[in-house]
Amino acid sequence: MNIGYNEEQMMIRDSIAKLCEPFNDQYWLERDTDGKYPDEFCNAVAKAGMLGIAMPEEYGGSGLGITEAATMVQAITETGAANAGFASIAINIFGLNPVVVFGTDEQKRRWLPPIISREDTACFAVTEPNTGLDTTRLKTRAVWDGEHYVVHGQKTWTSTAQKANKMLLIARTKDESETARPMDGLSLFYTDFNHDYIEARVIDKMGRKCVDSNQVFIDGLKIPKEDLIGEEGKGFRYLLHGLNAERILISASLVGIGRCALDRASTYARDRVVFGRPIGMNQGVQHPLAESWAELEAANLMAFRAAAMYDAGLECGKEANAGKYLAGEAAFKATTNAVMTLGGMGYAKEFHVERYMREALIHRIAPISPQLILCYLAEKALGLPKSY
C-alpha cells in the first residue's frame, strides 16, 4: 500500500496551495463575520477544473478517484479555509455520485457538466427534523399523479439551499405499510430547487456562517419522471453508495483542519516567550500538540485506506466510517489544543484557531454522530448485535 502522496497527488496539493493564496485566513475571517457566500473562492476552484476531479472525463471531469478528491479537499482545509472552504464546494464534488453510478447517459449529460462548471449549485435534501439519523424512516412524500411526482415534506440542516438551483432529494414514494422494509419505499431525485414550492429558512448556527444551513419546507413541488435516479424504491441504496465517498472526503478535510491548527499553535509556541523561554520548551505545551499530531496522522491513514478501497471498487463502509470517527475526534482535540496553546489569544478571532475549533466540531457531529459510528462498527466489524 502506498502511504505517501504520488506525483499526481503532489501536483494537486501544490496547485491548491497556489489557488488558495488569495483566500487566506483574513478572507475566511471576513466571511465568518459577514456571512457572505465565498463565491470568489468557489469560482476559482471551478475555473481550475477542480470541481470535476472525480467526475467522468466524457462529461467534463478529470476522471480521477476519491483518493485525489480527498487530497484536494485536505489541501484546501490545511490552508485555513477550514470547513467553510470544504463545505462551499463539497456537494459539487461528491453529491452527484449517485448520478455518476446509477444515472442514465442522458441524465449525466444533462446534469454533470453544469455542476462541474458551477453553472448549477446543488443542495443535499436528506435529513428531516423528526427522524434525524434514522434515515429509513423519512416522511417526505413524493406521490405520482400520472404526470409528475408531487412532493410534500420537510428537510433540515440542508446546506447551501440559499444558493442552490438544484436539489438532490430523497423522498418516500411508497408508504412504509406497503413495503417489506422502510428503505424499500424511498426514491432519489435530482431536480430543480423551485422557490415557488420550496421555502428555505436559514439556521443561525455556531460556526461556518458563510455556508448556510437551512430548514426546508416543500409544498406541492412537481418533479418529472426524468428526474428520478435509477429505479423507484431503491433511492436509499443509491444514497448509501455516495455516503462512503462523503465520509472519506470529510475525514480528509478534518485532518487538514487539525494540521492547520497544529501549525498555527506550534508557530505560536516557538515564538511566545514567557519567563525568559519559549512556551514550546515546556512539556505541558509540547505533549498535547505531539499527541494530536500522532492522532491526526493515524486518522489520515484510515481515511486514505478507505479512499483506496473505494476507488478499487471494494466494500469500505467500515473503513470510511472509522476514518470519519477518528478524524472527527482528532481534529476537534487538535483545534482545542491549539486554542489552549495560545491561551487568551486562542479565544481571539484575529488568531483564527477558535474558528478552526468551531468548524471542526461541525463534522464531529454530522452527518453521523460518533456514537452511531461506534454502534455501526460494533455490529459490522465485531459481529455484535445491532443496538439501534
Protein backbone atom coordinates (compact mmCIF):
# COMPACT_ATOMS: atom_id res chain seq x y z
CA MET A 1 0.00 0.00 0.00
CA ASN A 2 1.31 3.45 -0.95
CA ILE A 3 1.23 5.54 2.24
CA GLY A 4 2.53 8.77 0.71
CA TYR A 5 1.34 11.15 -1.97
CA ASN A 6 2.18 10.11 -5.51
CA GLU A 7 3.37 12.60 -8.12
CA GLU A 8 -0.14 13.43 -9.34
CA GLN A 9 -1.41 13.99 -5.82
CA MET A 10 1.55 16.24 -5.02
CA MET A 11 0.67 18.28 -8.10
CA ILE A 12 -2.90 18.59 -6.79
CA ARG A 13 -1.65 19.77 -3.40
CA ASP A 14 0.71 22.30 -4.98
CA SER A 15 -1.98 23.61 -7.32
CA ILE A 16 -4.46 24.01 -4.48
CA ALA A 17 -1.92 25.78 -2.27
CA LYS A 18 -1.30 28.30 -5.05
CA LEU A 19 -5.03 28.69 -5.81
CA CYS A 20 -5.77 29.35 -2.13
CA GLU A 21 -3.13 32.05 -1.65
CA PRO A 22 -5.60 34.94 -2.19
CA PHE A 23 -8.08 33.21 0.14
CA ASN A 24 -6.08 33.45 3.33
CA ASP A 25 -7.10 33.44 6.99
CA GLN A 26 -8.22 37.06 6.75
CA TYR A 27 -10.56 36.21 3.84
CA TRP A 28 -12.21 33.41 5.81
CA LEU A 29 -12.40 35.51 8.97
CA GLU A 30 -14.27 38.16 6.98
CA ARG A 31 -16.67 35.53 5.57
CA ASP A 32 -17.17 34.19 9.08
CA THR A 33 -18.07 37.72 10.17
CA ASP A 34 -20.20 38.99 7.28
CA GLY A 35 -21.73 35.65 6.29
CA LYS A 36 -21.27 36.24 2.55
CA TYR A 37 -21.03 33.08 0.49
CA PRO A 38 -17.42 32.52 -0.69
CA ASP A 39 -18.31 32.76 -4.37
CA GLU A 40 -14.87 34.09 -5.35
CA PHE A 41 -13.23 31.01 -3.87
CA CYS A 42 -15.76 28.60 -5.40
CA ASN A 43 -15.41 30.21 -8.82
CA ALA A 44 -11.61 29.92 -8.62
CA VAL A 45 -11.89 26.20 -7.85
CA ALA A 46 -14.35 25.73 -10.72
CA LYS A 47 -12.17 27.73 -13.14
CA ALA A 48 -9.22 25.49 -12.25
CA GLY A 49 -11.32 22.46 -13.22
CA MET A 50 -11.16 21.01 -9.74
CA LEU A 51 -14.90 20.57 -9.09
CA GLY A 52 -14.96 17.72 -11.57
CA ILE A 53 -11.92 15.98 -10.14
CA ALA A 54 -13.80 12.71 -9.53
CA MET A 55 -16.30 13.04 -12.41
CA PRO A 56 -16.02 11.09 -15.70
CA GLU A 57 -13.96 12.76 -18.41
CA GLU A 58 -16.71 12.37 -21.03
CA TYR A 59 -18.86 14.82 -19.03
CA GLY A 60 -16.14 17.39 -18.43
CA GLY A 61 -14.49 15.93 -15.35
CA SER A 62 -10.94 14.80 -14.68
CA GLY A 63 -11.79 11.13 -14.31
CA LEU A 64 -9.76 10.74 -11.12
CA GLY A 65 -10.78 8.98 -7.93
CA ILE A 66 -12.00 9.75 -4.44
CA THR A 67 -8.34 9.49 -3.35
CA GLU A 68 -7.47 12.52 -5.48
CA ALA A 69 -10.62 14.34 -4.36
CA ALA A 70 -9.66 13.69 -0.73
CA THR A 71 -6.17 15.00 -1.46
CA MET A 72 -7.71 18.18 -2.86
CA VAL A 73 -10.14 18.92 -0.01
CA GLN A 74 -7.45 18.23 2.58
CA ALA A 75 -5.13 20.69 0.86
CA ILE A 76 -7.93 23.28 0.94
CA THR A 77 -8.66 22.94 4.65
CA GLU A 78 -4.94 22.91 5.53
CA THR A 79 -4.65 26.47 4.18
CA GLY A 80 -7.00 27.81 6.86
CA ALA A 81 -10.17 27.62 4.75
CA ALA A 82 -11.32 25.02 7.28
CA ASN A 83 -14.84 23.63 6.97
CA ALA A 84 -16.20 26.72 5.23
CA GLY A 85 -13.87 26.14 2.30
CA PHE A 86 -14.73 22.44 2.14
CA ALA A 87 -18.49 22.81 2.57
CA SER A 88 -18.82 25.54 -0.06
CA ILE A 89 -17.79 23.10 -2.81
CA ALA A 90 -18.43 19.68 -1.27
CA ILE A 91 -21.69 18.73 -2.94
CA ASN A 92 -20.33 19.70 -6.36
CA ILE A 93 -17.55 17.15 -5.81
CA PHE A 94 -19.36 14.14 -4.32
CA GLY A 95 -23.07 14.97 -4.14
CA LEU A 96 -23.90 13.70 -7.61
CA ASN A 97 -22.07 10.41 -7.11
CA PRO A 98 -25.41 8.52 -7.30
CA VAL A 99 -25.96 10.10 -10.73
CA VAL A 100 -22.50 9.04 -11.90
CA VAL A 101 -23.10 5.46 -10.76
CA PHE A 102 -26.82 4.93 -11.29
CA GLY A 103 -27.98 7.68 -13.65
CA THR A 104 -28.70 7.24 -17.35
CA ASP A 105 -26.39 8.62 -20.02
CA GLU A 106 -28.98 11.30 -20.75
CA GLN A 107 -29.09 12.35 -17.09
CA LYS A 108 -25.31 12.50 -16.87
CA ARG A 109 -25.09 14.67 -20.00
CA ARG A 110 -27.80 16.95 -18.64
CA TRP A 111 -26.63 17.26 -15.03
CA LEU A 112 -22.88 16.72 -14.68
CA PRO A 113 -21.32 19.43 -16.90
CA PRO A 114 -23.28 22.30 -15.20
CA ILE A 115 -22.34 21.11 -11.70
CA ILE A 116 -18.67 20.80 -12.71
CA SER A 117 -18.60 24.31 -14.18
CA ARG A 118 -20.64 25.68 -11.27
CA GLU A 119 -23.32 26.86 -13.63
CA ASP A 120 -25.50 24.85 -11.25
CA THR A 121 -25.23 24.75 -7.47
CA ALA A 122 -26.94 21.92 -5.63
CA CYS A 123 -28.10 21.15 -2.12
CA PHE A 124 -28.49 17.78 -0.44
CA ALA A 125 -32.02 17.34 0.99
CA VAL A 126 -31.93 14.22 3.16
CA THR A 127 -32.17 14.82 6.92
CA GLU A 128 -35.59 15.50 8.45
CA PRO A 129 -36.44 17.16 11.77
CA ASN A 130 -38.39 14.22 13.21
CA THR A 131 -36.22 11.32 12.03
CA GLY A 132 -32.62 12.52 12.44
CA LEU A 133 -30.18 9.69 11.76
CA ASP A 134 -32.99 7.14 11.31
CA THR A 135 -32.90 7.81 7.57
CA THR A 136 -35.03 4.83 6.52
CA ARG A 137 -37.98 6.40 8.39
CA LEU A 138 -38.09 9.60 6.33
CA LYS A 139 -41.58 11.08 5.99
CA THR A 140 -41.32 13.44 2.99
CA ARG A 141 -43.67 12.03 0.33
CA ALA A 142 -43.39 12.03 -3.45
CA VAL A 143 -46.71 10.83 -4.89
CA TRP A 144 -47.10 10.04 -8.60
CA ASP A 145 -50.20 11.78 -10.00
CA GLY A 146 -49.98 10.36 -13.50
CA GLU A 147 -47.77 13.16 -14.83
CA HIS A 148 -45.42 14.17 -12.01
CA TYR A 149 -44.20 13.19 -8.58
CA VAL A 150 -45.78 15.72 -6.19
CA VAL A 151 -43.68 16.31 -3.09
CA HIS A 152 -44.72 17.47 0.38
CA GLY A 153 -42.47 17.42 3.43
CA GLN A 154 -39.66 18.98 5.44
CA LYS A 155 -35.89 18.72 5.47
CA THR A 156 -33.41 20.15 7.93
CA TRP A 157 -29.71 21.05 8.05
CA THR A 158 -29.75 21.38 4.28
CA SER A 159 -26.54 23.19 3.35
CA THR A 160 -26.35 25.76 0.53
CA ALA A 161 -30.13 25.89 0.00
CA GLN A 162 -29.93 29.69 -0.21
CA LYS A 163 -27.59 29.37 -3.22
CA ALA A 164 -28.91 26.23 -4.84
CA ASN A 165 -30.87 25.99 -8.06
CA LYS A 166 -30.74 22.18 -7.93
CA MET A 167 -31.56 19.64 -5.22
CA LEU A 168 -30.67 16.01 -4.60
CA LEU A 169 -33.78 14.83 -2.77
CA ILE A 170 -34.73 11.55 -1.15
CA ALA A 171 -38.43 11.05 -0.55
CA ARG A 172 -40.90 8.27 0.15
CA THR A 173 -42.73 7.01 -2.94
CA LYS A 174 -44.44 4.17 -1.07
CA ASP A 175 -45.81 4.17 2.45
CA GLU A 176 -43.97 2.03 4.99
CA SER A 177 -47.06 -0.18 5.26
CA GLU A 178 -46.68 -1.11 1.57
CA THR A 179 -43.09 -2.34 1.77
CA ALA A 180 -41.24 -5.20 3.44
CA ARG A 181 -38.66 -2.76 4.82
CA PRO A 182 -38.88 1.02 5.28
CA MET A 183 -35.92 1.61 2.95
CA ASP A 184 -37.75 -0.05 0.06
CA GLY A 185 -40.16 2.85 -0.28
CA LEU A 186 -37.55 5.61 -0.72
CA SER A 187 -36.62 7.11 -4.07
CA LEU A 188 -33.88 9.53 -5.11
CA PHE A 189 -34.37 12.57 -7.33
CA TYR A 190 -32.21 15.33 -8.76
CA THR A 191 -34.40 18.24 -9.69
CA ASP A 192 -34.90 22.00 -9.79
CA PHE A 193 -34.97 23.88 -6.49
CA ASN A 194 -38.20 25.67 -7.34
CA HIS A 195 -38.80 28.52 -4.88
CA ASP A 196 -42.47 28.65 -5.84
CA TYR A 197 -42.92 25.41 -3.92
CA ILE A 198 -39.92 25.39 -1.57
CA GLU A 199 -39.10 27.69 1.34
CA ALA A 200 -35.60 27.63 2.85
CA ARG A 201 -35.12 29.25 6.28
CA VAL A 202 -31.56 29.84 7.46
CA ILE A 203 -30.49 28.23 10.74
CA ASP A 204 -28.31 30.62 12.74
CA LYS A 205 -25.50 28.38 13.94
CA MET A 206 -22.25 28.27 15.88
CA GLY A 207 -19.79 28.17 13.00
CA ARG A 208 -19.34 28.33 9.22
CA LYS A 209 -21.59 31.35 8.87
CA CYS A 210 -20.79 31.86 5.19
CA VAL A 211 -22.14 28.46 4.12
CA ASP A 212 -25.82 28.42 5.02
CA SER A 213 -27.70 25.60 6.72
CA ASN A 214 -31.47 25.55 6.40
CA GLN A 215 -34.86 24.27 7.38
CA VAL A 216 -36.54 23.41 4.07
CA PHE A 217 -40.31 23.23 3.58
CA ILE A 218 -41.64 21.58 0.40
CA ASP A 219 -45.28 22.08 -0.53
CA GLY A 220 -46.51 20.65 -3.82
CA LEU A 221 -43.21 20.53 -5.73
CA LYS A 222 -43.73 18.73 -9.06
CA ILE A 223 -40.89 16.50 -10.25
CA PRO A 224 -40.90 14.98 -13.74
CA LYS A 225 -40.25 11.29 -14.22
CA GLU A 226 -36.93 12.00 -15.94
CA ASP A 227 -35.56 13.47 -12.70
CA LEU A 228 -35.85 10.13 -10.89
CA ILE A 229 -32.44 8.49 -10.42
CA GLY A 230 -32.46 4.77 -11.16
CA GLU A 231 -35.45 2.72 -10.07
CA GLU A 232 -38.27 3.85 -7.84
CA GLY A 233 -37.89 2.49 -4.31
CA LYS A 234 -34.12 1.99 -4.48
CA GLY A 235 -33.09 5.53 -3.53
CA PHE A 236 -31.76 4.65 -0.10
CA ARG A 237 -29.39 2.07 -1.60
CA TYR A 238 -28.17 4.64 -4.14
CA LEU A 239 -27.70 7.17 -1.36
CA LEU A 240 -25.59 4.73 0.67
CA HIS A 241 -23.15 4.36 -2.21
CA GLY A 242 -22.45 8.09 -2.09
CA LEU A 243 -22.27 8.25 1.69
CA ASN A 244 -18.99 6.33 1.84
CA ALA A 245 -17.44 8.89 -0.50
CA GLU A 246 -18.82 11.66 1.70
CA ARG A 247 -17.34 10.09 4.85
CA ILE A 248 -13.93 9.80 3.18
CA LEU A 249 -13.84 13.41 1.99
CA ILE A 250 -14.99 14.67 5.38
CA SER A 251 -12.26 12.62 7.08
CA ALA A 252 -9.56 14.06 4.85
CA SER A 253 -10.87 17.59 5.31
CA LEU A 254 -10.90 17.22 9.09
CA VAL A 255 -7.29 16.07 9.12
CA GLY A 256 -6.47 19.21 7.12
CA ILE A 257 -8.17 21.43 9.69
CA GLY A 258 -6.31 19.71 12.50
CA ARG A 259 -2.97 20.06 10.74
CA CYS A 260 -3.61 23.76 10.13
CA ALA A 261 -4.41 24.30 13.82
CA LEU A 262 -1.27 22.45 14.90
CA ASP A 263 0.85 24.55 12.53
CA ARG A 264 -0.55 27.78 13.97
CA ALA A 265 -0.15 26.53 17.55
CA SER A 266 3.41 25.30 17.00
CA THR A 267 4.43 28.61 15.44
CA TYR A 268 2.97 30.48 18.39
CA ALA A 269 4.67 28.12 20.89
CA ARG A 270 8.04 28.72 19.26
CA ASP A 271 7.65 32.50 19.22
CA ARG A 272 5.86 33.21 22.51
CA VAL A 273 8.36 33.86 25.30
CA VAL A 274 7.25 33.74 28.95
CA PHE A 275 9.58 33.57 31.96
CA GLY A 276 12.53 34.02 29.62
CA ARG A 277 11.86 30.96 27.42
CA PRO A 278 9.61 29.94 24.54
CA ILE A 279 6.49 28.25 25.88
CA GLY A 280 7.15 25.47 23.35
CA MET A 281 10.04 24.30 25.57
CA ASN A 282 7.53 23.27 28.22
CA GLN A 283 6.38 19.66 28.02
CA GLY A 284 2.94 20.72 29.18
CA VAL A 285 2.64 22.59 25.88
CA GLN A 286 4.58 20.11 23.73
CA HIS A 287 2.84 16.88 24.69
CA PRO A 288 -0.77 17.77 23.78
CA LEU A 289 0.37 19.03 20.38
CA ALA A 290 2.56 15.99 19.75
CA GLU A 291 -0.28 13.68 20.77
CA SER A 292 -2.61 15.43 18.35
CA TRP A 293 -0.06 15.10 15.55
CA ALA A 294 0.05 11.34 16.07
CA GLU A 295 -3.74 11.04 16.21
CA LEU A 296 -4.25 13.10 13.04
CA GLU A 297 -1.71 11.05 11.10
CA ALA A 298 -3.38 7.81 12.22
CA ALA A 299 -6.78 9.14 11.15
CA ASN A 300 -5.28 10.16 7.82
CA LEU A 301 -4.04 6.65 7.15
CA MET A 302 -7.52 5.23 7.76
CA ALA A 303 -9.16 7.88 5.58
CA PHE A 304 -6.87 7.21 2.64
CA ARG A 305 -7.10 3.45 3.10
CA ALA A 306 -10.86 3.83 2.75
CA ALA A 307 -10.34 6.03 -0.32
CA ALA A 308 -8.10 3.43 -1.97
CA MET A 309 -10.65 0.70 -1.28
CA TYR A 310 -13.46 2.85 -2.66
CA ASP A 311 -11.54 3.56 -5.85
CA ALA A 312 -10.77 -0.15 -6.21
CA GLY A 313 -14.48 -0.96 -6.05
CA LEU A 314 -14.18 -2.71 -2.68
CA GLU A 315 -16.65 -2.54 0.18
CA CYS A 316 -15.32 0.17 2.51
CA GLY A 317 -18.17 1.04 4.87
CA LYS A 318 -16.22 0.12 8.00
CA GLU A 319 -13.10 1.96 6.92
CA ALA A 320 -14.95 5.07 5.74
CA ASN A 321 -16.87 5.33 8.99
CA ALA A 322 -13.80 4.59 11.10
CA GLY A 323 -11.90 7.29 9.23
CA LYS A 324 -14.66 9.81 9.88
CA TYR A 325 -14.77 8.87 13.57
CA LEU A 326 -11.00 9.07 14.08
CA ALA A 327 -10.64 12.30 12.11
CA GLY A 328 -13.57 13.95 13.86
CA GLU A 329 -12.19 13.21 17.31
CA ALA A 330 -8.59 14.02 16.39
CA ALA A 331 -9.42 17.31 14.64
CA PHE A 332 -11.57 18.60 17.47
CA LYS A 333 -8.88 17.68 20.00
CA ALA A 334 -6.15 19.27 17.88
CA THR A 335 -8.07 22.52 17.42
CA THR A 336 -8.89 22.63 21.13
CA ASN A 337 -5.22 22.07 21.96
CA ALA A 338 -4.34 24.92 19.59
CA VAL A 339 -6.72 27.27 21.40
CA MET A 340 -5.25 26.25 24.76
CA THR A 341 -1.69 26.73 23.47
CA LEU A 342 -2.47 30.31 22.52
CA GLY A 343 -4.19 30.89 25.86
CA GLY A 344 -6.16 34.13 25.86
CA MET A 345 -5.18 34.84 22.27
CA GLY A 346 -6.67 31.49 21.31
CA TYR A 347 -10.05 32.98 22.23
CA ALA A 348 -9.45 35.99 19.98
CA LYS A 349 -10.79 35.80 16.43
CA GLU A 350 -7.77 37.53 14.95
CA PHE A 351 -5.65 34.43 15.69
CA HIS A 352 -8.13 32.14 13.86
CA VAL A 353 -7.74 28.96 15.91
CA GLU A 354 -11.09 29.46 17.65
CA ARG A 355 -12.69 29.41 14.17
CA TYR A 356 -10.93 26.16 13.38
CA MET A 357 -12.29 24.67 16.61
CA ARG A 358 -15.86 25.75 15.86
CA GLU A 359 -15.69 24.45 12.33
CA ALA A 360 -14.05 21.14 13.30
CA LEU A 361 -16.97 20.50 15.63
CA ILE A 362 -19.43 20.51 12.72
CA HIS A 363 -18.23 17.21 11.30
CA ARG A 364 -17.61 15.68 14.66
CA ILE A 365 -21.40 15.79 14.92
CA ALA A 366 -22.57 15.47 11.33
CA PRO A 367 -23.52 13.79 9.07
CA ILE A 368 -23.34 10.93 11.55
CA SER A 369 -22.56 11.15 15.25
CA PRO A 370 -19.51 9.44 16.77
CA GLN A 371 -21.82 7.33 18.93
CA LEU A 372 -23.72 5.93 15.95
CA ILE A 373 -20.47 5.21 14.12
CA LEU A 374 -19.33 3.16 17.11
CA CYS A 375 -22.64 1.27 17.08
CA TYR A 376 -22.16 0.58 13.36
CA LEU A 377 -18.57 -0.61 13.85
CA ALA A 378 -19.55 -2.80 16.78
CA GLU A 379 -22.07 -4.54 14.53
CA LYS A 380 -20.17 -4.65 11.23
CA ALA A 381 -16.58 -5.09 12.43
CA LEU A 382 -17.10 -7.05 15.64
CA GLY A 383 -20.27 -9.00 14.91
CA LEU A 384 -22.11 -7.66 17.94
CA PRO A 385 -25.92 -7.37 17.99
CA LYS A 386 -27.40 -4.32 16.34
CA SER A 387 -28.22 -1.74 19.01
CA TYR A 388 -30.23 0.84 17.09
